[in-house]
N, C-alpha and C. Protein backbone atom coordinates (compact mmCIF):
# COMPACT_ATOMS: atom_id res chain seq x y z
N MET A 1 42.43 110.58 80.01
CA MET A 1 41.57 109.09 80.94
C MET A 1 40.44 108.78 79.75
N THR A 2 40.53 107.53 79.28
CA THR A 2 39.79 107.28 78.62
C THR A 2 38.23 106.76 79.32
N ASP A 3 36.99 106.94 78.90
CA ASP A 3 35.66 106.80 79.48
C ASP A 3 35.45 105.45 78.91
N LEU A 4 34.82 104.40 79.74
CA LEU A 4 34.45 103.14 79.61
C LEU A 4 32.87 103.68 78.86
N ASN A 5 33.02 102.65 77.69
CA ASN A 5 31.61 102.96 77.10
C ASN A 5 30.65 101.58 77.95
N ASN A 6 29.51 101.88 78.03
CA ASN A 6 28.82 100.99 78.54
C ASN A 6 27.65 100.87 77.72
N SER A 7 27.76 99.70 77.04
CA SER A 7 26.79 99.26 75.81
C SER A 7 25.29 99.23 76.49
N ASN A 8 25.32 98.97 77.72
CA ASN A 8 23.60 98.75 78.13
C ASN A 8 23.13 99.80 78.70
N GLY A 9 23.93 101.00 78.66
CA GLY A 9 23.44 102.43 78.98
C GLY A 9 22.69 102.62 80.44
N GLY A 10 22.72 103.73 80.71
CA GLY A 10 22.32 104.18 82.03
C GLY A 10 23.22 103.60 82.97
N GLU A 11 22.70 104.40 84.22
CA GLU A 11 23.76 104.12 85.58
C GLU A 11 23.62 102.71 85.79
N LEU A 12 24.77 102.06 86.40
CA LEU A 12 24.78 101.00 87.22
C LEU A 12 24.02 100.97 88.43
N PRO A 13 22.95 99.82 89.11
CA PRO A 13 22.82 100.14 90.40
C PRO A 13 23.78 99.70 91.03
N ASP A 14 23.36 99.76 92.50
CA ASP A 14 24.24 99.57 93.76
C ASP A 14 24.46 97.96 93.64
N GLN A 15 25.72 97.47 93.67
CA GLN A 15 25.90 96.15 93.52
C GLN A 15 25.84 95.59 94.81
N SER A 16 25.03 94.61 95.43
CA SER A 16 25.02 94.02 96.91
C SER A 16 25.11 92.70 96.33
N PRO A 17 25.35 91.82 97.58
CA PRO A 17 25.69 90.11 97.26
C PRO A 17 24.25 89.72 96.81
N ASN A 18 23.32 90.35 97.10
CA ASN A 18 22.00 89.62 96.40
C ASN A 18 21.08 90.01 95.42
N SER A 19 21.72 91.08 94.88
CA SER A 19 21.03 92.01 93.99
C SER A 19 21.66 91.60 92.39
N ASN A 20 20.38 91.85 91.57
CA ASN A 20 20.62 91.50 90.19
C ASN A 20 20.92 92.67 89.49
N PRO A 21 21.86 92.61 88.34
CA PRO A 21 22.06 94.04 87.80
C PRO A 21 20.95 94.60 87.18
N ASP A 22 19.59 93.86 87.03
CA ASP A 22 18.55 94.31 86.23
C ASP A 22 17.72 94.85 87.19
N GLY A 23 17.99 94.88 88.72
CA GLY A 23 17.74 95.72 89.71
C GLY A 23 16.84 94.77 90.54
N GLY A 24 16.74 93.62 90.37
CA GLY A 24 15.79 92.54 91.07
C GLY A 24 16.78 91.75 91.96
N ASP A 25 15.98 91.06 93.02
CA ASP A 25 16.72 90.12 93.88
C ASP A 25 17.09 88.84 93.31
N ILE A 26 18.00 88.49 93.29
CA ILE A 26 18.89 87.19 92.64
C ILE A 26 17.94 85.99 93.21
N ASP A 27 17.67 86.00 94.72
CA ASP A 27 16.84 84.73 95.27
C ASP A 27 15.76 84.51 94.74
N SER A 28 14.86 85.65 94.50
CA SER A 28 13.65 85.53 94.14
C SER A 28 13.67 85.51 92.43
N ALA A 29 14.60 86.05 91.95
CA ALA A 29 14.97 85.50 90.34
C ALA A 29 14.92 84.18 90.34
N TRP A 30 15.91 83.50 91.12
CA TRP A 30 16.19 81.87 91.05
C TRP A 30 14.83 81.14 91.30
N ALA A 31 14.16 81.60 92.51
CA ALA A 31 12.92 80.94 92.89
C ALA A 31 11.97 80.90 91.74
N ALA A 32 11.90 82.05 90.89
CA ALA A 32 10.86 82.12 89.77
C ALA A 32 11.54 81.09 88.63
N PHE A 33 12.71 81.21 88.46
CA PHE A 33 13.40 80.31 87.18
C PHE A 33 13.03 78.74 87.66
N ALA A 34 13.59 78.50 88.93
CA ALA A 34 13.20 77.04 89.52
C ALA A 34 11.96 76.68 88.95
N GLU A 35 10.77 77.48 89.71
CA GLU A 35 9.56 77.21 89.72
C GLU A 35 8.90 77.07 88.10
N ALA A 36 9.39 77.72 87.34
CA ALA A 36 9.15 77.88 85.65
C ALA A 36 9.58 76.71 85.07
N HIS A 37 10.85 76.16 85.69
CA HIS A 37 11.34 74.82 84.80
C HIS A 37 11.25 73.88 85.76
N ALA A 38 10.26 73.73 86.82
CA ALA A 38 10.51 72.48 87.94
C ALA A 38 10.42 71.12 86.97
N ASP A 39 9.64 70.92 85.90
CA ASP A 39 9.51 69.52 85.10
C ASP A 39 11.14 69.08 84.54
N ASP A 40 11.54 70.17 83.82
CA ASP A 40 12.90 69.83 83.28
C ASP A 40 13.98 69.61 84.44
N LEU A 41 13.78 70.29 85.49
CA LEU A 41 14.75 70.06 86.37
C LEU A 41 14.43 68.63 87.19
N LYS A 42 13.33 68.44 87.21
CA LYS A 42 12.96 67.07 87.78
C LYS A 42 13.32 65.97 87.00
N ASP A 43 13.41 66.18 85.61
CA ASP A 43 13.78 65.14 84.75
C ASP A 43 15.65 64.96 84.82
N VAL A 44 16.10 65.82 85.01
CA VAL A 44 17.60 66.10 84.98
C VAL A 44 18.03 65.33 86.54
N GLU A 45 16.96 65.62 87.49
CA GLU A 45 17.44 65.02 88.78
C GLU A 45 17.47 63.58 88.81
N HIS A 46 16.32 63.20 88.16
CA HIS A 46 16.22 61.72 87.93
C HIS A 46 16.93 61.06 86.79
N SER A 47 17.78 61.45 86.15
CA SER A 47 18.29 60.91 85.05
C SER A 47 19.82 60.09 85.55
N ARG A 48 19.92 59.09 84.21
CA ARG A 48 21.20 58.15 84.83
C ARG A 48 22.43 58.93 84.99
N SER A 49 23.04 60.08 84.52
CA SER A 49 23.82 60.70 84.62
C SER A 49 23.80 61.46 86.27
N ALA A 50 22.78 61.73 86.53
CA ALA A 50 22.84 62.42 87.86
C ALA A 50 22.89 61.38 89.00
N LYS A 51 22.29 60.13 88.81
CA LYS A 51 22.62 59.01 89.54
C LYS A 51 24.21 58.49 89.60
N ARG A 52 24.14 58.34 88.50
CA ARG A 52 25.94 58.33 88.43
C ARG A 52 27.03 59.29 89.29
N PHE A 53 26.52 60.53 88.97
CA PHE A 53 27.17 61.41 89.43
C PHE A 53 27.18 61.47 91.25
N GLU A 54 25.92 61.06 91.61
CA GLU A 54 25.62 60.96 92.96
C GLU A 54 26.35 59.84 93.83
N LYS A 55 26.67 58.72 92.80
CA LYS A 55 27.09 57.59 93.58
C LYS A 55 28.85 58.01 93.42
N HIS A 56 29.34 58.61 92.45
CA HIS A 56 30.71 58.99 92.34
C HIS A 56 31.00 60.20 93.63
N ALA A 57 30.12 60.66 93.95
CA ALA A 57 30.51 61.95 95.14
C ALA A 57 30.27 61.24 96.24
N GLN A 58 29.64 60.34 96.35
CA GLN A 58 29.14 59.46 97.67
C GLN A 58 30.52 58.71 98.08
N ARG A 59 31.17 57.99 96.85
CA ARG A 59 32.45 57.52 96.93
C ARG A 59 33.69 58.17 97.56
N LYS A 60 33.35 59.34 96.72
CA LYS A 60 34.43 60.31 97.15
C LYS A 60 34.58 61.02 98.54
N GLU A 61 33.41 60.81 98.93
CA GLU A 61 33.49 61.24 100.36
C GLU A 61 33.76 60.27 101.38
N LYS A 62 33.88 58.90 101.26
CA LYS A 62 34.01 57.71 101.83
C LYS A 62 35.63 57.50 101.63
N GLU A 63 36.27 58.24 100.59
CA GLU A 63 37.94 57.98 100.72
C GLU A 63 38.44 58.61 101.78
N ALA A 64 39.62 58.24 102.19
CA ALA A 64 40.06 58.86 103.17
C ALA A 64 40.82 60.18 102.94
N LEU A 65 40.86 61.05 103.67
CA LEU A 65 41.10 62.47 103.71
C LEU A 65 42.58 62.54 104.18
N LEU A 66 42.96 61.49 104.96
CA LEU A 66 44.35 61.57 105.40
C LEU A 66 44.85 60.33 105.51
N SER A 67 46.01 60.06 104.80
CA SER A 67 46.52 59.06 104.76
C SER A 67 47.98 58.66 105.62
N VAL A 68 48.71 57.51 106.04
CA VAL A 68 49.44 57.45 106.95
C VAL A 68 50.54 58.06 106.27
N GLY A 69 50.72 58.09 105.01
CA GLY A 69 52.17 58.49 104.40
C GLY A 69 52.33 60.14 104.44
N ASP A 70 51.05 61.16 104.91
CA ASP A 70 51.11 62.24 105.07
C ASP A 70 51.79 62.73 106.51
N LEU A 71 51.76 61.80 107.38
CA LEU A 71 51.55 61.92 108.52
C LEU A 71 53.45 61.91 109.13
N ASP A 72 54.14 62.56 109.80
CA ASP A 72 55.43 62.44 110.14
C ASP A 72 55.50 61.44 111.32
N ASN A 73 56.64 61.06 111.98
CA ASN A 73 56.95 59.93 113.11
C ASN A 73 56.38 60.53 114.11
N GLY A 74 56.35 61.96 114.22
CA GLY A 74 55.82 62.46 115.60
C GLY A 74 54.59 62.37 116.00
N VAL A 75 53.56 62.10 114.87
CA VAL A 75 52.27 61.50 115.32
C VAL A 75 52.29 60.28 116.21
N PHE A 76 53.13 59.58 115.72
CA PHE A 76 52.71 58.10 116.45
C PHE A 76 53.84 58.17 117.71
N VAL A 77 55.05 58.70 117.76
CA VAL A 77 55.93 58.56 119.06
C VAL A 77 56.02 59.98 119.44
N ASP A 78 56.62 60.02 120.69
CA ASP A 78 56.79 61.20 121.22
C ASP A 78 57.72 61.91 120.71
N ASP A 79 57.58 63.03 120.19
CA ASP A 79 58.37 63.88 119.52
C ASP A 79 58.67 65.45 120.15
N PRO A 80 59.68 65.43 120.85
CA PRO A 80 59.98 66.49 121.38
C PRO A 80 60.25 67.77 120.53
N VAL A 81 60.82 67.97 118.85
CA VAL A 81 61.05 68.89 118.39
C VAL A 81 59.62 68.52 116.89
N PRO A 82 59.00 69.52 116.65
CA PRO A 82 58.25 69.37 115.63
C PRO A 82 58.80 69.04 114.03
N LEU A 83 58.42 68.66 113.39
CA LEU A 83 59.03 68.54 111.93
C LEU A 83 59.12 69.49 111.41
N ASN A 84 58.47 70.62 111.61
CA ASN A 84 58.66 71.81 110.91
C ASN A 84 59.43 72.55 111.53
N ARG A 85 60.20 72.23 112.89
CA ARG A 85 61.05 73.10 113.51
C ARG A 85 62.45 72.58 113.69
N ARG A 86 62.45 71.27 112.84
CA ARG A 86 63.93 70.41 112.97
C ARG A 86 65.05 71.36 111.79
N GLY A 87 66.32 71.37 112.59
CA GLY A 87 67.08 71.82 111.81
C GLY A 87 68.46 70.98 111.34
N PRO A 88 69.45 71.09 111.01
CA PRO A 88 70.53 70.10 110.75
C PRO A 88 71.31 70.03 111.88
N ARG A 89 71.36 70.75 112.89
CA ARG A 89 72.20 70.55 114.08
C ARG A 89 71.21 69.98 115.52
N ASP A 90 69.82 69.56 114.98
CA ASP A 90 68.90 69.18 116.06
C ASP A 90 69.40 67.52 116.39
N ASN A 91 70.19 67.09 115.79
CA ASN A 91 70.30 65.54 116.02
C ASN A 91 70.91 65.33 117.18
N THR A 92 70.20 64.84 118.07
CA THR A 92 70.67 64.34 119.53
C THR A 92 71.30 63.12 119.80
N ARG A 93 70.94 62.08 118.56
CA ARG A 93 71.88 61.03 118.60
C ARG A 93 73.31 61.15 118.21
N SER A 94 74.10 60.09 118.62
CA SER A 94 75.43 60.17 118.27
C SER A 94 75.53 60.16 116.61
N SER A 95 76.70 60.90 116.27
CA SER A 95 77.13 60.79 115.06
C SER A 95 78.11 59.88 114.63
N TRP A 96 77.95 59.50 113.71
CA TRP A 96 79.10 58.24 112.88
C TRP A 96 80.50 58.52 112.96
N LEU A 97 80.70 60.03 113.17
CA LEU A 97 82.17 60.44 113.74
C LEU A 97 82.67 60.11 114.96
N ASP A 98 81.59 59.96 116.17
CA ASP A 98 81.81 59.42 117.42
C ASP A 98 81.77 57.95 117.50
N THR A 99 82.57 56.94 116.49
CA THR A 99 82.22 55.64 116.68
C THR A 99 83.38 54.97 117.96
N ASP A 100 84.19 55.65 118.00
CA ASP A 100 84.94 55.21 119.24
C ASP A 100 84.27 55.34 120.74
N ASN A 101 83.70 56.54 120.53
CA ASN A 101 82.77 56.78 121.94
C ASN A 101 81.78 55.99 122.29
N VAL A 102 80.84 55.52 120.87
CA VAL A 102 79.81 54.74 121.25
C VAL A 102 80.35 53.49 121.56
N MET A 103 81.42 53.11 120.96
CA MET A 103 81.91 51.54 121.07
C MET A 103 82.29 51.34 122.74
N ASP A 104 82.78 52.49 123.31
CA ASP A 104 83.68 52.51 124.54
C ASP A 104 82.27 52.67 125.43
N ARG A 105 81.10 53.37 125.03
CA ARG A 105 79.85 53.33 125.87
C ARG A 105 79.25 51.86 125.95
N TYR A 106 79.18 51.21 125.11
CA TYR A 106 78.41 50.11 125.03
C TYR A 106 79.35 48.75 125.35
N GLY A 107 80.78 48.97 125.81
CA GLY A 107 81.35 47.91 126.02
C GLY A 107 81.96 47.09 125.18
N ASP A 108 81.73 47.26 124.08
CA ASP A 108 81.94 46.14 122.67
C ASP A 108 83.41 46.18 122.53
N ASP A 109 84.10 45.22 122.37
CA ASP A 109 85.56 45.07 122.28
C ASP A 109 85.81 44.61 120.93
N PHE A 110 85.78 45.62 120.02
CA PHE A 110 85.91 45.56 118.26
C PHE A 110 87.26 45.57 118.41
N VAL A 111 87.66 44.38 117.56
CA VAL A 111 89.10 44.04 117.49
C VAL A 111 89.00 43.98 115.71
N PRO A 112 89.76 45.01 115.25
CA PRO A 112 89.79 45.29 113.62
C PRO A 112 90.48 43.77 113.13
N PRO A 113 90.16 43.44 111.95
CA PRO A 113 90.54 42.34 111.21
C PRO A 113 92.10 42.55 111.19
N ASN A 114 92.81 41.52 110.91
CA ASN A 114 94.38 41.28 110.59
C ASN A 114 94.65 40.36 109.54
N PRO A 115 94.01 40.87 108.28
CA PRO A 115 94.18 40.08 106.99
C PRO A 115 95.63 39.72 107.05
N GLU A 116 95.79 38.62 106.82
CA GLU A 116 96.98 37.80 106.17
C GLU A 116 97.00 37.13 104.92
N ILE A 117 97.75 37.14 104.04
CA ILE A 117 97.75 36.46 102.73
C ILE A 117 98.15 34.91 103.01
N GLY A 118 99.00 34.65 103.97
CA GLY A 118 99.35 33.55 104.18
C GLY A 118 100.26 32.63 103.09
N PRO A 119 100.31 31.46 103.29
CA PRO A 119 101.39 30.62 102.13
C PRO A 119 100.40 30.30 100.96
N VAL A 120 100.66 30.84 99.83
CA VAL A 120 100.43 30.69 98.47
C VAL A 120 100.70 29.37 97.91
N LYS A 121 99.61 28.63 97.64
CA LYS A 121 99.91 27.43 96.80
C LYS A 121 100.53 27.62 95.71
N ALA A 122 101.59 26.82 95.46
CA ALA A 122 102.16 26.61 94.01
C ALA A 122 101.17 26.51 92.76
N SER A 123 100.14 25.77 93.00
CA SER A 123 99.30 25.28 91.75
C SER A 123 98.39 26.27 91.58
N LYS A 124 97.92 26.94 92.55
CA LYS A 124 97.15 27.97 92.47
C LYS A 124 97.56 29.18 91.98
N LEU A 125 99.08 29.66 92.27
CA LEU A 125 99.83 30.43 91.47
C LEU A 125 99.85 30.07 90.18
N VAL A 126 100.15 29.10 89.81
CA VAL A 126 100.40 28.73 88.19
C VAL A 126 98.97 28.82 87.48
N PHE A 127 97.94 28.42 88.01
CA PHE A 127 96.48 28.52 87.38
C PHE A 127 96.17 30.00 87.17
N TRP A 128 96.72 30.79 88.00
CA TRP A 128 96.16 32.12 87.88
C TRP A 128 97.45 33.01 86.77
N VAL A 129 98.38 32.40 86.71
CA VAL A 129 99.69 32.98 85.78
C VAL A 129 98.98 32.64 84.58
N LEU A 130 98.47 31.16 84.33
CA LEU A 130 97.76 30.84 83.23
C LEU A 130 96.53 31.68 82.65
N LEU A 131 95.64 31.87 83.71
CA LEU A 131 94.50 32.58 83.12
C LEU A 131 94.65 33.90 82.67
N VAL A 132 95.41 34.90 83.40
CA VAL A 132 95.93 36.31 83.29
C VAL A 132 96.71 36.15 81.82
N ALA A 133 97.67 35.39 81.60
CA ALA A 133 98.59 35.32 80.39
C ALA A 133 97.68 35.07 79.23
N GLY A 134 96.87 33.86 79.51
CA GLY A 134 95.61 33.55 78.38
C GLY A 134 94.99 34.84 78.05
N ILE A 135 94.39 35.47 78.81
CA ILE A 135 93.38 36.76 78.14
C ILE A 135 94.33 37.68 77.72
N ILE A 136 95.20 37.92 78.34
CA ILE A 136 96.27 39.23 77.75
C ILE A 136 96.58 38.68 76.46
N GLY A 137 96.62 37.19 76.24
CA GLY A 137 97.48 36.63 74.86
C GLY A 137 96.32 36.88 73.80
N LEU A 138 95.05 36.34 74.39
CA LEU A 138 94.16 36.63 73.48
C LEU A 138 93.74 37.72 72.93
N ILE A 139 93.91 38.93 73.59
CA ILE A 139 93.61 40.31 73.28
C ILE A 139 94.71 40.76 72.46
N ALA A 140 96.10 40.51 72.81
CA ALA A 140 97.36 40.83 71.79
C ALA A 140 97.18 40.30 70.43
N SER A 141 96.73 38.91 70.33
CA SER A 141 96.44 38.13 69.32
C SER A 141 95.81 38.90 68.17
N VAL A 142 95.06 39.54 68.45
CA VAL A 142 94.00 40.48 67.70
C VAL A 142 94.79 41.33 66.74
N PHE A 143 96.01 41.80 67.40
CA PHE A 143 96.77 42.88 66.58
C PHE A 143 98.01 42.06 65.73
N VAL A 144 97.97 40.77 65.67
CA VAL A 144 99.09 40.26 64.72
C VAL A 144 98.42 39.42 63.86
N PRO A 145 97.47 40.18 62.75
CA PRO A 145 96.48 39.11 61.99
C PRO A 145 97.21 37.76 61.49
N ALA A 146 98.45 37.97 60.92
CA ALA A 146 99.28 36.86 60.19
C ALA A 146 99.09 35.52 61.29
N LEU A 147 99.37 35.89 62.51
CA LEU A 147 99.64 34.59 63.51
C LEU A 147 98.34 34.54 64.45
N ALA A 148 97.36 35.24 64.05
CA ALA A 148 95.99 34.92 65.25
C ALA A 148 95.43 33.80 65.24
N ALA A 149 95.73 32.95 64.37
CA ALA A 149 94.99 31.80 64.53
C ALA A 149 95.52 30.81 65.66
N MET A 150 97.14 30.84 65.52
CA MET A 150 97.89 30.08 66.12
C MET A 150 98.12 30.55 67.34
N LEU A 151 98.41 31.78 67.34
CA LEU A 151 98.25 32.59 68.67
C LEU A 151 96.99 32.45 69.74
N GLY A 152 95.87 32.55 68.95
CA GLY A 152 94.61 32.41 69.62
C GLY A 152 94.36 31.30 70.17
N THR A 153 94.57 30.07 69.52
CA THR A 153 94.72 28.80 70.01
C THR A 153 95.31 28.28 71.14
N ILE A 154 96.69 28.88 71.21
CA ILE A 154 97.59 28.57 72.12
C ILE A 154 97.12 29.38 73.55
N PHE A 155 96.86 30.83 73.33
CA PHE A 155 96.42 31.48 74.68
C PHE A 155 95.01 31.06 74.84
N GLY A 156 94.15 30.57 74.06
CA GLY A 156 92.66 30.35 74.56
C GLY A 156 93.06 28.93 75.37
N VAL A 157 93.78 28.15 74.92
CA VAL A 157 93.68 26.94 75.75
C VAL A 157 94.48 27.03 77.37
N CYS A 158 95.45 28.07 77.06
CA CYS A 158 95.91 28.78 78.58
C CYS A 158 94.83 29.26 79.17
N ALA A 159 94.17 29.97 78.79
CA ALA A 159 93.01 30.55 79.85
C ALA A 159 92.03 29.69 80.09
N LEU A 160 91.59 28.55 79.18
CA LEU A 160 90.87 27.55 79.69
C LEU A 160 91.53 26.70 80.84
N VAL A 161 92.62 26.50 80.70
CA VAL A 161 93.23 25.62 81.55
C VAL A 161 93.45 26.20 82.97
N GLY A 162 93.68 27.53 82.91
CA GLY A 162 93.92 28.33 83.89
C GLY A 162 92.51 28.39 84.86
N ALA A 163 91.64 28.86 84.09
CA ALA A 163 90.12 29.16 84.64
C ALA A 163 89.75 27.91 85.36
N ALA A 164 90.00 26.48 84.19
CA ALA A 164 89.27 25.51 84.95
C ALA A 164 90.15 24.80 86.28
N GLY A 165 91.65 25.25 86.15
CA GLY A 165 92.36 24.87 87.70
C GLY A 165 91.94 25.30 88.59
N LEU A 166 91.41 26.86 88.37
CA LEU A 166 91.12 27.41 89.53
C LEU A 166 89.87 27.17 90.04
N ILE A 167 89.02 26.66 89.18
CA ILE A 167 87.48 26.43 89.69
C ILE A 167 87.58 24.95 90.42
N VAL A 168 88.47 24.24 89.83
CA VAL A 168 88.41 22.67 90.84
C VAL A 168 89.25 22.96 91.87
N GLN A 169 90.14 23.82 92.26
CA GLN A 169 90.66 24.06 93.52
C GLN A 169 90.03 24.71 94.52
N HIS A 170 88.91 25.52 94.08
CA HIS A 170 88.03 26.33 94.78
C HIS A 170 87.36 25.30 95.77
N LYS A 171 87.32 25.90 97.35
CA LYS A 171 86.51 25.20 98.24
C LYS A 171 85.34 26.23 98.49
N GLY A 172 84.22 25.48 98.65
CA GLY A 172 82.92 25.98 98.87
C GLY A 172 82.97 26.83 100.41
N HIS A 173 81.80 27.59 100.44
CA HIS A 173 81.98 28.11 101.95
C HIS A 173 81.51 27.33 102.79
N THR A 174 80.96 26.16 102.35
CA THR A 174 80.90 25.10 103.70
C THR A 174 82.34 24.48 104.48
N GLU A 175 83.23 24.28 103.33
CA GLU A 175 84.56 23.80 103.74
C GLU A 175 85.26 24.70 104.40
N THR A 176 84.88 25.90 104.36
CA THR A 176 86.13 26.79 105.01
C THR A 176 85.41 27.31 106.56
N ARG A 177 84.52 26.74 106.96
CA ARG A 177 84.00 26.72 108.29
C ARG A 177 85.01 26.07 109.16
N ASN A 178 84.96 26.83 110.37
CA ASN A 178 86.27 26.57 111.50
C ASN A 178 85.39 25.66 112.57
N GLY A 179 84.30 26.18 112.88
CA GLY A 179 83.52 25.33 114.03
C GLY A 179 81.98 25.60 113.97
N TYR A 180 81.42 24.99 115.11
CA TYR A 180 79.90 25.14 114.99
C TYR A 180 79.40 26.52 115.19
N THR A 181 79.99 27.46 115.71
CA THR A 181 79.59 28.77 115.85
C THR A 181 79.75 29.45 114.80
N ASP A 182 80.49 29.03 113.60
CA ASP A 182 80.96 29.75 112.43
C ASP A 182 79.89 29.80 111.36
N ASP A 183 79.37 30.83 111.24
CA ASP A 183 78.39 31.16 110.29
C ASP A 183 78.44 31.60 108.97
N GLY A 184 79.82 31.28 108.73
CA GLY A 184 80.27 31.82 107.38
C GLY A 184 80.43 32.93 106.82
N ALA A 185 80.26 34.31 107.76
CA ALA A 185 80.29 35.54 107.45
C ALA A 185 81.86 35.68 107.61
N ARG A 186 82.11 36.54 106.60
CA ARG A 186 83.95 37.15 106.72
C ARG A 186 83.85 38.28 106.62
N VAL A 187 84.88 39.00 106.68
CA VAL A 187 85.02 40.60 106.62
C VAL A 187 85.95 40.43 105.48
C-alpha cells in the first residue's frame, strides 16, 4: 500500500465544520479578513457591477417560479386519477371502436352516404378524354424526336381544349346548393 505524502508536514487537525486547517476558527478568520479589508469590500459593494447584479437578482426573484404549462389538467378540473398514475388502460371514455354503441346511445340516426355517379354528360366526357389524351401525347412526343414539333402542337392543343372545356362547364359551389339549409358541405 502506498503512503500519501503530505507536503505540509505534521498531522492534520480534527476537521470540524467551523475549523480551519491551520487550527483556527473559520468564523473568526472571516471576521478578521472582513475587518482588514472593509474599505475594499465597501467599494465593491457600491460599484456599478454590484448594482447591476442586484437589479438582475431582483428581476429573477420576480419571475414566475411556476408556469401554466408545467401543470396538468388535474390541477384545474376534478382529476380522479393523478397524472403520474395513469396508464394506457385507464381511459374511461368510449373508444373509437365503439362508434355504433355511442351513436345508439345518443340517438343519432346516421345514414351513410350512397354515392351515385349518375348520368355523365357527353360533352364533359369528351373534354376529359381530350385532356388526358393531350397530356399523355405530350409526354409520348418527347420520345419521338423527329415528329416532336408536330405531335407536341397537336397534343398541346388537345390538352388546352380539354382543360378549357372542363373549366367552362364547372359549376361553382353556390350553384350546386339545393335549398336554404344547404350550407355546401359535401361528403
